[in-house]
Amino acid sequence: MSTIAEADFGMAVVSAPVDAAEEIARQIVSRKLAACAQVSSPVSSTYWWKGRMESAPERLIVLKTRRSLLGRVEELLRQAHPYEVPELTFVPITGGGQLYMGWLREILG
């Protein structure tokens, strides 16, 4: 069972061009907007953009963060991300190992 403080923790997902993802992840973690950022191998994304179906190679950035930090993450993405509309989604962490959750609290407060 999660406490109110734990309910704020979650995983945010950001997609980014292959050549920009690592730097975006570094900027987010260096500002302690996430305790950890995992950058995937390239994935193929297919999506609608301005009335057309598009495809592009991207990397997914999975952030271990807090819901309360999403506004600041979004501000950083507006400046550091090359997309006009960067992806930013959030999935709450509803449980986890005590040691891991303790580590998140230690890093992110």
N, C-alpha and C. Protein backbone atom coordinates (compact mmCIF):
# COMPACT_ATOMS: atom_id res chain seq x y z
N MET A 1 0.86 -1.18 0.00
CA MET A 1 0.00 0.00 0.00
C MET A 1 0.90 1.24 0.00
N SER A 2 0.57 2.20 -0.85
CA SER A 2 1.40 3.39 -0.94
C SER A 2 0.89 4.47 0.00
N THR A 3 1.82 5.30 0.43
CA THR A 3 1.45 6.45 1.25
C THR A 3 1.18 7.63 0.33
N ILE A 4 0.69 8.72 0.87
CA ILE A 4 0.43 9.91 0.06
C ILE A 4 1.72 10.37 -0.61
N ALA A 5 2.84 10.34 0.11
CA ALA A 5 4.12 10.76 -0.47
C ALA A 5 4.52 9.86 -1.63
N GLU A 6 4.30 8.55 -1.49
CA GLU A 6 4.66 7.63 -2.57
C GLU A 6 3.78 7.83 -3.78
N ALA A 7 2.53 8.24 -3.59
CA ALA A 7 1.62 8.42 -4.72
C ALA A 7 2.12 9.50 -5.68
N ASP A 8 2.98 10.39 -5.25
CA ASP A 8 3.55 11.43 -6.09
C ASP A 8 4.63 10.88 -7.02
N PHE A 9 5.22 9.74 -6.70
CA PHE A 9 6.28 9.16 -7.52
C PHE A 9 5.70 8.48 -8.75
N GLY A 10 6.45 8.52 -9.84
CA GLY A 10 5.99 7.86 -11.04
C GLY A 10 7.08 7.80 -12.09
N MET A 11 6.70 7.26 -13.23
CA MET A 11 7.59 7.18 -14.38
C MET A 11 7.02 8.06 -15.47
N ALA A 12 7.80 9.00 -15.91
CA ALA A 12 7.42 9.87 -17.02
C ALA A 12 8.14 9.36 -18.26
N VAL A 13 7.46 9.45 -19.39
CA VAL A 13 8.04 9.00 -20.66
C VAL A 13 8.13 10.19 -21.60
N VAL A 14 9.30 10.32 -22.22
CA VAL A 14 9.57 11.36 -23.20
C VAL A 14 10.15 10.66 -24.43
N SER A 15 9.64 10.97 -25.61
CA SER A 15 10.29 10.48 -26.83
C SER A 15 11.12 11.63 -27.40
N ALA A 16 12.23 11.26 -28.03
CA ALA A 16 13.13 12.29 -28.56
C ALA A 16 13.88 11.73 -29.76
N PRO A 17 14.35 12.62 -30.63
CA PRO A 17 15.20 12.15 -31.73
C PRO A 17 16.42 11.41 -31.18
N VAL A 18 16.89 10.45 -31.95
CA VAL A 18 18.01 9.62 -31.52
C VAL A 18 19.19 10.46 -31.06
N ASP A 19 19.52 11.52 -31.79
CA ASP A 19 20.72 12.31 -31.47
C ASP A 19 20.52 13.31 -30.33
N ALA A 20 19.30 13.47 -29.83
CA ALA A 20 19.05 14.44 -28.76
C ALA A 20 18.72 13.81 -27.42
N ALA A 21 18.36 12.54 -27.39
CA ALA A 21 17.81 11.92 -26.18
C ALA A 21 18.78 11.90 -25.01
N GLU A 22 20.01 11.52 -25.22
CA GLU A 22 20.99 11.43 -24.12
C GLU A 22 21.18 12.79 -23.45
N GLU A 23 21.30 13.84 -24.23
CA GLU A 23 21.51 15.18 -23.66
C GLU A 23 20.28 15.66 -22.89
N ILE A 24 19.10 15.40 -23.42
CA ILE A 24 17.88 15.76 -22.71
C ILE A 24 17.82 15.03 -21.37
N ALA A 25 18.13 13.73 -21.37
CA ALA A 25 18.13 12.95 -20.13
C ALA A 25 19.13 13.52 -19.12
N ARG A 26 20.33 13.87 -19.58
CA ARG A 26 21.34 14.44 -18.69
C ARG A 26 20.87 15.75 -18.06
N GLN A 27 20.26 16.60 -18.87
CA GLN A 27 19.79 17.89 -18.35
C GLN A 27 18.72 17.69 -17.28
N ILE A 28 17.82 16.75 -17.49
CA ILE A 28 16.74 16.51 -16.52
C ILE A 28 17.32 15.98 -15.22
N VAL A 29 18.21 14.99 -15.29
CA VAL A 29 18.78 14.40 -14.07
C VAL A 29 19.70 15.39 -13.37
N SER A 30 20.48 16.16 -14.11
CA SER A 30 21.41 17.10 -13.48
C SER A 30 20.68 18.17 -12.67
N ARG A 31 19.45 18.48 -13.04
CA ARG A 31 18.65 19.47 -12.30
C ARG A 31 17.79 18.82 -11.21
N LYS A 32 17.99 17.52 -11.01
CA LYS A 32 17.23 16.73 -10.02
C LYS A 32 15.72 16.81 -10.28
N LEU A 33 15.35 16.85 -11.55
CA LEU A 33 13.95 16.75 -11.93
C LEU A 33 13.55 15.29 -12.07
N ALA A 34 14.53 14.41 -12.04
CA ALA A 34 14.33 12.96 -12.01
C ALA A 34 15.52 12.35 -11.29
N ALA A 35 15.27 11.26 -10.58
CA ALA A 35 16.36 10.56 -9.90
C ALA A 35 17.15 9.71 -10.90
N CYS A 36 16.50 9.32 -11.98
CA CYS A 36 17.10 8.42 -12.96
C CYS A 36 16.43 8.66 -14.30
N ALA A 37 17.19 8.56 -15.37
CA ALA A 37 16.65 8.60 -16.72
C ALA A 37 17.24 7.43 -17.49
N GLN A 38 16.39 6.62 -18.05
CA GLN A 38 16.83 5.49 -18.87
C GLN A 38 16.51 5.81 -20.31
N VAL A 39 17.52 5.71 -21.18
CA VAL A 39 17.35 6.01 -22.59
C VAL A 39 17.40 4.69 -23.35
N SER A 40 16.35 4.42 -24.12
CA SER A 40 16.23 3.16 -24.84
C SER A 40 17.09 3.15 -26.09
N SER A 41 17.23 1.95 -26.63
CA SER A 41 17.76 1.82 -27.99
C SER A 41 16.77 2.47 -28.93
N PRO A 42 17.18 2.78 -30.14
CA PRO A 42 16.23 3.40 -31.07
C PRO A 42 14.99 2.52 -31.27
N VAL A 43 13.85 3.18 -31.33
CA VAL A 43 12.57 2.55 -31.64
C VAL A 43 12.02 3.25 -32.88
N SER A 44 11.11 2.60 -33.56
CA SER A 44 10.45 3.21 -34.71
C SER A 44 9.09 3.72 -34.26
N SER A 45 8.86 5.00 -34.40
CA SER A 45 7.59 5.60 -34.00
C SER A 45 6.78 5.95 -35.25
N THR A 46 5.51 5.62 -35.20
CA THR A 46 4.57 6.00 -36.25
C THR A 46 3.47 6.80 -35.59
N TYR A 47 3.16 7.98 -36.15
CA TYR A 47 2.26 8.92 -35.47
C TYR A 47 1.63 9.86 -36.49
N TRP A 48 0.57 10.52 -36.06
CA TRP A 48 -0.07 11.55 -36.86
C TRP A 48 0.54 12.90 -36.50
N TRP A 49 0.87 13.69 -37.51
CA TRP A 49 1.38 15.04 -37.30
C TRP A 49 0.90 15.93 -38.44
N LYS A 50 0.17 16.95 -38.08
CA LYS A 50 -0.34 17.95 -39.03
C LYS A 50 -1.07 17.29 -40.21
N GLY A 51 -1.95 16.33 -39.87
CA GLY A 51 -2.80 15.70 -40.86
C GLY A 51 -2.18 14.59 -41.68
N ARG A 52 -0.93 14.24 -41.37
CA ARG A 52 -0.24 13.18 -42.12
C ARG A 52 0.30 12.14 -41.18
N MET A 53 0.31 10.90 -41.63
CA MET A 53 0.96 9.85 -40.86
C MET A 53 2.46 9.90 -41.15
N GLU A 54 3.24 9.93 -40.08
CA GLU A 54 4.70 10.03 -40.18
C GLU A 54 5.35 8.85 -39.48
N SER A 55 6.60 8.58 -39.79
CA SER A 55 7.41 7.58 -39.09
C SER A 55 8.79 8.17 -38.89
N ALA A 56 9.40 7.86 -37.73
CA ALA A 56 10.74 8.37 -37.45
C ALA A 56 11.40 7.50 -36.39
N PRO A 57 12.73 7.37 -36.46
CA PRO A 57 13.44 6.69 -35.37
C PRO A 57 13.52 7.64 -34.17
N GLU A 58 13.28 7.10 -33.00
CA GLU A 58 13.35 7.88 -31.77
C GLU A 58 13.95 7.01 -30.67
N ARG A 59 14.25 7.66 -29.56
CA ARG A 59 14.59 6.96 -28.32
C ARG A 59 13.55 7.35 -27.29
N LEU A 60 13.23 6.42 -26.41
CA LEU A 60 12.35 6.72 -25.29
C LEU A 60 13.19 7.00 -24.06
N ILE A 61 12.83 8.03 -23.35
CA ILE A 61 13.48 8.38 -22.09
C ILE A 61 12.46 8.10 -20.99
N VAL A 62 12.79 7.19 -20.09
CA VAL A 62 11.92 6.87 -18.96
C VAL A 62 12.52 7.53 -17.73
N LEU A 63 11.77 8.43 -17.13
CA LEU A 63 12.23 9.19 -15.97
C LEU A 63 11.59 8.66 -14.71
N LYS A 64 12.36 8.47 -13.65
CA LYS A 64 11.80 8.19 -12.32
C LYS A 64 11.74 9.55 -11.63
N THR A 65 10.52 10.02 -11.43
CA THR A 65 10.34 11.40 -10.99
C THR A 65 9.11 11.51 -10.09
N ARG A 66 8.68 12.73 -9.86
CA ARG A 66 7.48 13.01 -9.07
C ARG A 66 6.50 13.79 -9.94
N ARG A 67 5.23 13.53 -9.72
CA ARG A 67 4.19 14.28 -10.44
C ARG A 67 4.37 15.78 -10.21
N SER A 68 4.76 16.15 -9.01
CA SER A 68 4.92 17.56 -8.67
C SER A 68 6.07 18.24 -9.42
N LEU A 69 6.93 17.47 -10.08
CA LEU A 69 8.04 18.03 -10.85
C LEU A 69 7.74 18.13 -12.34
N LEU A 70 6.59 17.62 -12.78
CA LEU A 70 6.30 17.57 -14.21
C LEU A 70 6.26 18.94 -14.87
N GLY A 71 5.78 19.95 -14.17
CA GLY A 71 5.76 21.30 -14.74
C GLY A 71 7.16 21.78 -15.07
N ARG A 72 8.10 21.51 -14.18
CA ARG A 72 9.49 21.92 -14.42
C ARG A 72 10.12 21.08 -15.53
N VAL A 73 9.78 19.79 -15.60
CA VAL A 73 10.27 18.95 -16.70
C VAL A 73 9.75 19.50 -18.03
N GLU A 74 8.47 19.85 -18.06
CA GLU A 74 7.89 20.38 -19.29
C GLU A 74 8.56 21.70 -19.71
N GLU A 75 8.85 22.56 -18.75
CA GLU A 75 9.57 23.81 -19.06
C GLU A 75 10.92 23.53 -19.69
N LEU A 76 11.66 22.57 -19.12
CA LEU A 76 12.96 22.22 -19.67
C LEU A 76 12.80 21.67 -21.09
N LEU A 77 11.79 20.82 -21.31
CA LEU A 77 11.57 20.26 -22.64
C LEU A 77 11.27 21.34 -23.66
N ARG A 78 10.55 22.37 -23.27
CA ARG A 78 10.25 23.46 -24.21
C ARG A 78 11.53 24.12 -24.73
N GLN A 79 12.56 24.14 -23.89
CA GLN A 79 13.81 24.78 -24.30
C GLN A 79 14.82 23.80 -24.91
N ALA A 80 14.88 22.57 -24.39
CA ALA A 80 15.93 21.64 -24.79
C ALA A 80 15.50 20.65 -25.87
N HIS A 81 14.23 20.49 -26.08
CA HIS A 81 13.72 19.46 -26.99
C HIS A 81 13.47 20.07 -28.37
N PRO A 82 13.88 19.38 -29.44
CA PRO A 82 13.69 19.95 -30.77
C PRO A 82 12.26 19.87 -31.31
N TYR A 83 11.40 19.04 -30.71
CA TYR A 83 10.04 18.90 -31.22
C TYR A 83 9.17 20.08 -30.82
N GLU A 84 8.23 20.43 -31.68
CA GLU A 84 7.25 21.47 -31.39
C GLU A 84 6.33 21.03 -30.24
N VAL A 85 6.00 19.74 -30.21
CA VAL A 85 5.13 19.18 -29.17
C VAL A 85 5.80 17.92 -28.61
N PRO A 86 6.72 18.07 -27.65
CA PRO A 86 7.38 16.89 -27.10
C PRO A 86 6.42 16.04 -26.28
N GLU A 87 6.60 14.72 -26.38
CA GLU A 87 5.81 13.80 -25.56
C GLU A 87 6.24 13.93 -24.11
N LEU A 88 5.26 13.98 -23.22
CA LEU A 88 5.51 13.89 -21.78
C LEU A 88 4.27 13.26 -21.17
N THR A 89 4.41 12.02 -20.75
CA THR A 89 3.31 11.31 -20.08
C THR A 89 3.81 10.83 -18.73
N PHE A 90 2.88 10.49 -17.84
CA PHE A 90 3.24 10.12 -16.47
C PHE A 90 2.39 8.94 -16.02
N VAL A 91 3.05 7.95 -15.43
CA VAL A 91 2.37 6.78 -14.87
C VAL A 91 2.77 6.69 -13.40
N PRO A 92 1.81 6.76 -12.48
CA PRO A 92 2.15 6.68 -11.06
C PRO A 92 2.77 5.33 -10.70
N ILE A 93 3.71 5.37 -9.78
CA ILE A 93 4.25 4.14 -9.20
C ILE A 93 3.37 3.83 -7.99
N THR A 94 2.67 2.72 -8.04
CA THR A 94 1.74 2.38 -6.97
C THR A 94 2.35 1.42 -5.95
N GLY A 95 3.55 1.01 -6.18
CA GLY A 95 4.25 0.14 -5.23
C GLY A 95 5.69 -0.02 -5.69
N GLY A 96 6.49 -0.57 -4.82
CA GLY A 96 7.89 -0.79 -5.17
C GLY A 96 8.67 -1.26 -3.96
N GLY A 97 9.87 -1.70 -4.20
CA GLY A 97 10.74 -2.14 -3.12
C GLY A 97 11.02 -1.00 -2.16
N GLN A 98 11.06 -1.31 -0.87
CA GLN A 98 11.29 -0.27 0.14
C GLN A 98 12.62 0.43 -0.07
N LEU A 99 13.66 -0.31 -0.41
CA LEU A 99 14.96 0.31 -0.62
C LEU A 99 14.92 1.26 -1.82
N TYR A 100 14.29 0.82 -2.90
CA TYR A 100 14.21 1.66 -4.10
C TYR A 100 13.38 2.91 -3.84
N MET A 101 12.22 2.75 -3.20
CA MET A 101 11.37 3.90 -2.91
C MET A 101 12.08 4.86 -1.94
N GLY A 102 12.85 4.31 -1.02
CA GLY A 102 13.65 5.15 -0.13
C GLY A 102 14.68 5.95 -0.88
N TRP A 103 15.30 5.31 -1.87
CA TRP A 103 16.29 6.00 -2.70
C TRP A 103 15.63 7.13 -3.48
N LEU A 104 14.45 6.89 -4.05
CA LEU A 104 13.74 7.97 -4.76
C LEU A 104 13.45 9.15 -3.83
N ARG A 105 12.98 8.84 -2.61
CA ARG A 105 12.69 9.91 -1.65
C ARG A 105 13.96 10.67 -1.29
N GLU A 106 15.08 9.95 -1.13
CA GLU A 106 16.36 10.59 -0.80
C GLU A 106 16.79 11.57 -1.91
N ILE A 107 16.66 11.17 -3.16
CA ILE A 107 17.11 12.00 -4.28
C ILE A 107 16.15 13.15 -4.55
N LEU A 108 14.86 12.85 -4.55
CA LEU A 108 13.86 13.83 -4.99
C LEU A 108 13.12 14.53 -3.85
N GLY A 109 13.42 14.14 -2.64
CA GLY A 109 12.78 14.77 -1.49
C GLY A 109 11.42 14.24 -1.18
